[in-house]
């Protein structure tokens, strides 16, 4: 792996998957983003920017709960940084 650049998205995705597993709960996503659970719920209910709309759209409902794929969350977060290696 030496000499081979790794993208920010790949690195972040691996870190999120290692820490939270393949799916993040609402509370885990709120903690990751430094928000309260209620604040995140409000933001996702009334999205003001593209990143928030993307987070809302990537959520997948399983029963009554909404889970967020770690790979998609990493893609959305890393898009702010231009996905530089």
Foldseek 3Di string as FASTA:
>chain_A
DPPDDDWQLVVQLVVCCVVANQKAFLCRVCVVVVHHSVVLVVCLVPPDDDLSVQQNVQWDDDPNTTIHGSSSNSVSVCVVVVRDD
